[in-house]
C-alpha atoms as a PDB file:
ATOM      1  CA  MET A   1     -49.394   4.855 105.268  1.00  0.00           C
ATOM      2  CA  ALA A   2     -52.747   6.050 103.936  1.00  0.00           C
ATOM      3  CA  LEU A   3     -52.823   3.107 101.529  1.00  0.00           C
ATOM      4  CA  SER A   4     -52.286   0.527 104.251  1.00  0.00           C
ATOM      5  CA  ARG A   5     -54.947   2.159 106.437  1.00  0.00           C
ATOM      6  CA  SER A   6     -57.517   2.000 103.606  1.00  0.00           C
ATOM      7  CA  ARG A   7     -56.579  -1.635 102.985  1.00  0.00           C
ATOM      8  CA  ARG A   8     -57.199  -2.428 106.652  1.00  0.00           C
ATOM      9  CA  ILE A   9     -60.604  -0.743 106.484  1.00  0.00           C
ATOM     10  CA  VAL A  10     -61.572  -2.678 103.336  1.00  0.00           C
ATOM     11  CA  PHE A  11     -60.268  -5.941 104.808  1.00  0.00           C
ATOM     12  CA  SER A  12     -62.146  -5.346 108.078  1.00  0.00           C
ATOM     13  CA  ALA A  13     -65.353  -4.556 106.199  1.00  0.00           C
ATOM     14  CA  ALA A  14     -64.994  -7.711 104.088  1.00  0.00           C
ATOM     15  CA  VAL A  15     -64.455  -9.850 107.199  1.00  0.00           C
ATOM     16  CA  ALA A  16     -67.501  -8.276 108.866  1.00  0.00           C
ATOM     17  CA  VAL A  17     -69.687  -8.970 105.816  1.00  0.00           C
ATOM     18  CA  LEU A  18     -68.493 -12.584 105.641  1.00  0.00           C
ATOM     19  CA  CYS A  19     -69.208 -13.073 109.347  1.00  0.00           C
ATOM     20  CA  LEU A  20     -72.725 -11.677 108.982  1.00  0.00           C
ATOM     21  CA  LEU A  21     -73.434 -13.878 105.956  1.00  0.00           C
ATOM     22  CA  SER A  22     -72.184 -17.027 107.666  1.00  0.00           C
ATOM     23  CA  VAL A  23     -74.318 -16.351 110.766  1.00  0.00           C
ATOM     24  CA  SER A  24     -77.461 -15.756 108.710  1.00  0.00           C
ATOM     25  CA  MET A  25     -76.852 -18.864 106.594  1.00  0.00           C
ATOM     26  CA  ALA A  26     -76.229 -21.039 109.654  1.00  0.00           C
ATOM     27  CA  SER A  27     -79.467 -19.979 111.332  1.00  0.00           C
ATOM     28  CA  SER A  28     -81.715 -20.458 108.294  1.00  0.00           C
ATOM     29  CA  GLN A  29     -83.609 -23.688 107.654  1.00  0.00           C
ATOM     30  CA  THR A  30     -84.037 -25.389 104.339  1.00  0.00           C
ATOM     31  CA  LEU A  31     -87.651 -25.011 103.254  1.00  0.00           C
ATOM     32  CA  HIS A  32     -88.765 -27.975 101.175  1.00  0.00           C
ATOM     33  CA  ARG A  33     -91.406 -27.291  98.569  1.00  0.00           C
ATOM     34  CA  PHE A  34     -92.045 -30.999  97.880  1.00  0.00           C
ATOM     35  CA  GLY A  35     -90.742 -34.517  98.494  1.00  0.00           C
ATOM     36  CA  GLN A  36     -91.033 -34.569 102.296  1.00  0.00           C
ATOM     37  CA  SER A  37     -93.196 -36.795 104.500  1.00  0.00           C
ATOM     38  CA  VAL A  38     -96.557 -36.320 106.185  1.00  0.00           C
ATOM     39  CA  GLN A  39     -96.413 -37.143 109.918  1.00  0.00           C
ATOM     40  CA  PRO A  40     -99.287 -37.916 112.308  1.00  0.00           C
ATOM     41  CA  ILE A  41     -99.529 -35.552 115.288  1.00  0.00           C
ATOM     42  CA  TYR A  42    -101.222 -36.455 118.587  1.00  0.00           C
ATOM     43  CA  GLU A  43    -103.490 -33.534 119.529  1.00  0.00           C
ATOM     44  CA  GLY A  44    -105.059 -34.768 122.765  1.00  0.00           C
ATOM     45  CA  PHE A  45    -107.869 -36.845 124.214  1.00  0.00           C
ATOM     46  CA  GLU A  46    -111.347 -36.615 125.664  1.00  0.00           C
ATOM     47  CA  ARG A  47    -112.684 -38.898 128.370  1.00  0.00           C
ATOM     48  CA  ASN A  48    -116.144 -40.193 127.494  1.00  0.00           C
ATOM     49  CA  SER A  49    -118.956 -40.696 130.027  1.00  0.00           C
ATOM     50  CA  ASP A  50    -118.697 -44.498 129.666  1.00  0.00           C
ATOM     51  CA  GLY A  51    -115.026 -44.508 130.758  1.00  0.00           C
ATOM     52  CA  THR A  52    -113.552 -44.794 127.274  1.00  0.00           C
ATOM     53  CA  TYR A  53    -111.363 -42.210 125.583  1.00  0.00           C
ATOM     54  CA  THR A  54    -111.570 -40.426 122.276  1.00  0.00           C
ATOM     55  CA  LEU A  55    -108.125 -39.594 120.892  1.00  0.00           C
ATOM     56  CA  TRP A  56    -107.554 -36.647 118.562  1.00  0.00           C
ATOM     57  CA  PHE A  57    -104.915 -36.687 115.835  1.00  0.00           C
ATOM     58  CA  GLY A  58    -103.782 -34.198 113.230  1.00  0.00           C
ATOM     59  CA  TYR A  59    -100.925 -34.181 110.749  1.00  0.00           C
ATOM     60  CA  LEU A  60     -97.850 -32.231 109.726  1.00  0.00           C
ATOM     61  CA  ASN A  61     -97.183 -32.049 106.000  1.00  0.00           C
ATOM     62  CA  ARG A  62     -93.493 -31.114 105.931  1.00  0.00           C
ATOM     63  CA  ASN A  63     -93.823 -29.664 102.412  1.00  0.00           C
ATOM     64  CA  TYR A  64     -94.489 -25.994 101.731  1.00  0.00           C
ATOM     65  CA  ASP A  65     -96.170 -26.482  98.336  1.00  0.00           C
ATOM     66  CA  GLU A  66     -96.951 -30.163  97.737  1.00  0.00           C
ATOM     67  CA  THR A  67    -100.385 -31.414  98.826  1.00  0.00           C
ATOM     68  CA  PRO A  68    -100.209 -35.223  98.705  1.00  0.00           C
ATOM     69  CA  ASN A  69    -103.353 -37.234  98.074  1.00  0.00           C
ATOM     70  CA  VAL A  70    -103.101 -40.547  99.982  1.00  0.00           C
ATOM     71  CA  PRO A  71    -106.194 -42.716  99.427  1.00  0.00           C
ATOM     72  CA  ILE A  72    -107.567 -44.896 102.216  1.00  0.00           C
ATOM     73  CA  GLY A  73    -105.493 -48.071 102.160  1.00  0.00           C
ATOM     74  CA  ILE A  74    -102.341 -49.609 103.580  1.00  0.00           C
ATOM     75  CA  ASN A  75    -100.570 -46.191 103.577  1.00  0.00           C
ATOM     76  CA  ASN A  76    -103.514 -44.383 105.198  1.00  0.00           C
ATOM     77  CA  SER A  77    -105.209 -46.531 107.844  1.00  0.00           C
ATOM     78  CA  PHE A  78    -105.400 -47.198 111.580  1.00  0.00           C
ATOM     79  CA  GLN A  79    -103.943 -50.394 113.014  1.00  0.00           C
ATOM     80  CA  VAL A  80    -102.898 -51.620 116.439  1.00  0.00           C
ATOM     81  CA  ALA A  81     -99.180 -52.281 116.715  1.00  0.00           C
ATOM     82  CA  GLU A  82     -97.916 -55.745 117.643  1.00  0.00           C
ATOM     83  CA  GLY A  83     -97.789 -56.321 121.400  1.00  0.00           C
ATOM     84  CA  VAL A  84    -100.185 -53.524 122.404  1.00  0.00           C
ATOM     85  CA  GLN A  85    -101.649 -54.179 125.855  1.00  0.00           C
ATOM     86  CA  THR A  86    -104.895 -52.715 127.138  1.00  0.00           C
ATOM     87  CA  ALA A  87    -105.383 -51.517 130.709  1.00  0.00           C
ATOM     88  CA  GLY A  88    -108.764 -52.576 132.046  1.00  0.00           C
ATOM     89  CA  PRO A  89    -111.959 -53.696 130.364  1.00  0.00           C
ATOM     90  CA  ILE A  90    -112.360 -52.832 126.717  1.00  0.00           C
ATOM     91  CA  ASP A  91    -114.928 -53.558 124.042  1.00  0.00           C
ATOM     92  CA  GLN A  92    -113.154 -56.124 121.853  1.00  0.00           C
ATOM     93  CA  SER A  93    -115.004 -54.846 118.787  1.00  0.00           C
ATOM     94  CA  LEU A  94    -113.069 -51.577 119.092  1.00  0.00           C
ATOM     95  CA  ILE A  95    -109.634 -53.198 118.817  1.00  0.00           C
ATOM     96  CA  LEU A  96    -108.318 -52.725 115.301  1.00  0.00           C
ATOM     97  CA  VAL A  97    -106.574 -55.950 114.326  1.00  0.00           C
ATOM     98  CA  ASP A  98    -107.542 -56.128 110.666  1.00  0.00           C
ATOM     99  CA  SER A  99    -104.459 -55.620 108.522  1.00  0.00           C
ATOM    100  CA  GLY A 100    -106.627 -54.369 105.665  1.00  0.00           C
ATOM    101  CA  PRO A 101    -107.601 -50.753 104.990  1.00  0.00           C
ATOM    102  CA  LEU A 102    -109.752 -49.137 107.657  1.00  0.00           C
ATOM    103  CA  ASP A 103    -111.565 -45.889 106.951  1.00  0.00           C
ATOM    104  CA  ARG A 104    -111.931 -44.018 110.243  1.00  0.00           C
ATOM    105  CA  GLY A 105    -112.650 -40.622 108.738  1.00  0.00           C
ATOM    106  CA  GLN A 106    -108.995 -39.702 108.309  1.00  0.00           C
ATOM    107  CA  PRO A 107    -108.080 -37.152 105.641  1.00  0.00           C
ATOM    108  CA  THR A 108    -106.844 -38.242 102.237  1.00  0.00           C
ATOM    109  CA  TYR A 109    -105.773 -34.796 100.995  1.00  0.00           C
ATOM    110  CA  PHE A 110    -102.967 -33.245 103.076  1.00  0.00           C
ATOM    111  CA  TYR A 111    -102.629 -29.472 102.884  1.00  0.00           C
ATOM    112  CA  PRO A 112     -99.137 -27.964 103.342  1.00  0.00           C
ATOM    113  CA  ARG A 113     -97.766 -27.630 106.858  1.00  0.00           C
ATOM    114  CA  ARG A 114    -100.217 -28.025 109.716  1.00  0.00           C
END
């Protein structure tokens, strides 16, 4: 009887440990050191005195170690998407329709995370 009781205690302890491990593994995220994307993040806007808006953008580098260097060019530029409509009067010189690279002061070196 003492042997079966000790087996039950060991079995119960093993089940408890396995349950704790599975819960901790399920709640953890995979942290990528490299190979993930850099995403633009909209930060907000400021209304200018002339009625226009200044938009603020940041980025999220999904890597924890890699710091990509993306030179100004087709992969690092500002362009208006097809079919974009404007609401109200706008200075046509501000509309970005050039499909070539446009340097608007965006970063080229992306530090990890945000």
